[in-house]
């Protein structure tokens, strides 16, 4: 992980998004690259992980910056999975929203995705009272 730069924020290109989303099999996103780019650009915050300039991971949040933060689209390229990048991305994004009362991780029921949150020390939802 030492050679990987994780930042909360930072630009991503359409081609980088298509490559990363495609590498994890999210073809519903890659079928319409312009909408994917608009969605990512419209996010409140996008965390990125890069090695030698190559995009290896991404997490994005939608938030009102006061009461709610939805964390979604946590992706890590297959060759970099299980290396701590996903957890680092989540921390980078959640650190930015530390003052927000409620944080929610949005995932689907696919087993590889749903097992992610326990590995970062959270239950299925990040809600805090």
Protein backbone atom coordinates (compact mmCIF):
# COMPACT_ATOMS: atom_id res chain seq x y z
CA UNK A 1 0.00 0.00 0.00
CA UNK A 2 2.96 2.32 0.46
CA UNK A 3 3.18 3.04 -3.25
CA UNK A 4 -0.54 3.83 -3.56
CA UNK A 5 -1.84 7.38 -3.17
CA UNK A 6 -5.36 7.63 -1.69
CA UNK A 7 -7.00 11.05 -1.75
CA UNK A 8 -10.45 12.43 -1.01
CA UNK A 9 -11.10 14.37 -4.17
CA UNK A 10 -9.24 14.60 -7.40
CA UNK A 11 -10.29 14.45 -11.03
CA UNK A 12 -11.01 11.27 -12.95
CA UNK A 13 -11.47 10.92 -16.68
CA UNK A 14 -14.22 9.17 -18.58
CA UNK A 15 -11.75 6.57 -19.88
CA UNK A 16 -10.42 5.86 -16.37
CA UNK A 17 -13.96 5.34 -15.08
CA UNK A 18 -14.89 2.99 -17.91
CA UNK A 19 -11.72 0.96 -17.34
CA UNK A 20 -12.19 0.69 -13.56
CA UNK A 21 -15.93 0.01 -13.59
CA UNK A 22 -15.44 -2.49 -16.41
CA UNK A 23 -12.66 -4.29 -14.54
CA UNK A 24 -15.09 -5.15 -11.72
CA UNK A 25 -17.89 -6.12 -14.08
CA UNK A 26 -20.19 -3.15 -13.54
CA UNK A 27 -21.35 -3.16 -17.16
CA UNK A 28 -24.58 -1.28 -16.46
CA UNK A 29 -22.36 1.74 -15.77
CA UNK A 30 -19.95 1.23 -18.65
CA UNK A 31 -22.78 0.83 -21.17
CA UNK A 32 -23.37 4.58 -20.90
CA UNK A 33 -20.01 6.25 -20.19
CA UNK A 34 -21.39 9.79 -20.44
CA UNK A 35 -23.96 9.12 -17.71
CA UNK A 36 -21.28 7.45 -15.57
CA UNK A 37 -19.06 10.51 -15.88
CA UNK A 38 -21.97 12.84 -15.03
CA UNK A 39 -22.84 10.73 -11.98
CA UNK A 40 -19.29 10.77 -10.66
CA UNK A 41 -18.84 14.48 -11.38
CA UNK A 42 -22.17 15.16 -9.61
CA UNK A 43 -21.08 13.35 -6.46
CA UNK A 44 -20.39 15.36 -3.33
CA UNK A 45 -16.94 13.78 -3.00
CA UNK A 46 -14.94 11.21 -4.94
CA UNK A 47 -12.06 9.40 -3.27
CA UNK A 48 -9.43 7.91 -5.55
CA UNK A 49 -6.54 5.48 -5.19
CA UNK A 50 -3.71 5.58 -7.71
CA UNK A 51 -0.43 3.82 -8.31
CA UNK A 52 1.96 5.51 -10.73
CA UNK A 53 -0.94 7.65 -11.94
CA UNK A 54 -3.21 4.68 -12.75
CA UNK A 55 -6.66 4.69 -11.13
CA UNK A 56 -6.93 1.54 -8.98
CA UNK A 57 -9.85 2.44 -6.76
CA UNK A 58 -12.71 4.84 -6.28
CA UNK A 59 -15.36 5.59 -3.67
CA UNK A 60 -17.98 8.26 -4.00
CA UNK A 61 -20.32 9.98 -1.58
CA UNK A 62 -23.56 11.89 -1.87
CA UNK A 63 -24.19 14.17 1.09
CA UNK A 64 -26.03 17.24 2.33
CA UNK A 65 -22.92 17.92 4.46
CA UNK A 66 -25.03 18.20 7.60
CA UNK A 67 -27.18 15.20 8.46
CA UNK A 68 -26.59 12.43 5.91
CA UNK A 69 -23.81 10.93 3.83
CA UNK A 70 -24.40 8.05 1.43
CA UNK A 71 -21.23 6.17 0.55
CA UNK A 72 -21.52 4.17 -2.65
CA UNK A 73 -19.63 2.82 -5.63
CA UNK A 74 -16.63 1.52 -3.72
CA UNK A 75 -14.51 -0.10 -6.43
CA UNK A 76 -11.03 -1.58 -6.43
CA UNK A 77 -9.40 -3.03 -9.54
CA UNK A 78 -9.23 -6.84 -9.26
CA UNK A 79 -5.42 -6.97 -9.12
CA UNK A 80 -5.44 -4.58 -6.14
CA UNK A 81 -8.31 -6.07 -4.13
CA UNK A 82 -7.73 -7.23 -0.55
CA UNK A 83 -4.77 -4.88 -0.22
CA UNK A 84 -6.43 -2.30 2.04
CA UNK A 85 -7.28 0.14 -0.74
CA UNK A 86 -11.06 -0.13 -0.23
CA UNK A 87 -10.77 0.51 3.50
CA UNK A 88 -8.42 3.44 2.88
CA UNK A 89 -10.89 4.94 0.41
CA UNK A 90 -13.75 4.58 2.88
CA UNK A 91 -11.69 6.23 5.63
CA UNK A 92 -10.69 9.10 3.32
CA UNK A 93 -14.29 9.78 2.37
CA UNK A 94 -15.74 9.33 5.87
CA UNK A 95 -13.04 11.55 7.42
CA UNK A 96 -14.32 14.38 5.22
CA UNK A 97 -17.83 13.82 6.64
CA UNK A 98 -16.85 13.27 10.27
CA UNK A 99 -19.30 15.95 11.43
CA UNK A 100 -22.24 14.42 9.59
CA UNK A 101 -24.57 12.56 11.94
CA UNK A 102 -25.66 9.66 9.74
CA UNK A 103 -23.51 7.68 7.31
CA UNK A 104 -24.94 4.93 5.12
CA UNK A 105 -23.05 2.42 3.01
CA UNK A 106 -25.06 1.43 -0.05
CA UNK A 107 -24.34 -2.04 -1.41
CA UNK A 108 -26.28 -4.75 -3.14
CA UNK A 109 -26.75 -8.29 -1.83
CA UNK A 110 -23.99 -9.87 -3.87
CA UNK A 111 -21.81 -11.75 -1.31
CA UNK A 112 -18.46 -10.30 -2.45
CA UNK A 113 -19.79 -6.79 -1.90
CA UNK A 114 -21.75 -7.33 1.28
CA UNK A 115 -18.73 -8.81 3.08
CA UNK A 116 -16.79 -5.59 2.59
CA UNK A 117 -18.22 -3.56 5.49
CA UNK A 118 -17.32 -6.00 8.29
CA UNK A 119 -13.70 -5.97 7.07
CA UNK A 120 -13.54 -2.22 7.69
CA UNK A 121 -15.00 -2.55 11.16
CA UNK A 122 -18.59 -1.60 10.41
CA UNK A 123 -21.90 -3.33 10.30
CA UNK A 124 -24.06 -3.36 7.14
CA UNK A 125 -24.96 0.29 7.74
CA UNK A 126 -22.79 3.09 9.07
CA UNK A 127 -25.66 4.83 10.85
CA UNK A 128 -24.71 6.56 14.07
CA UNK A 129 -27.14 8.11 16.49
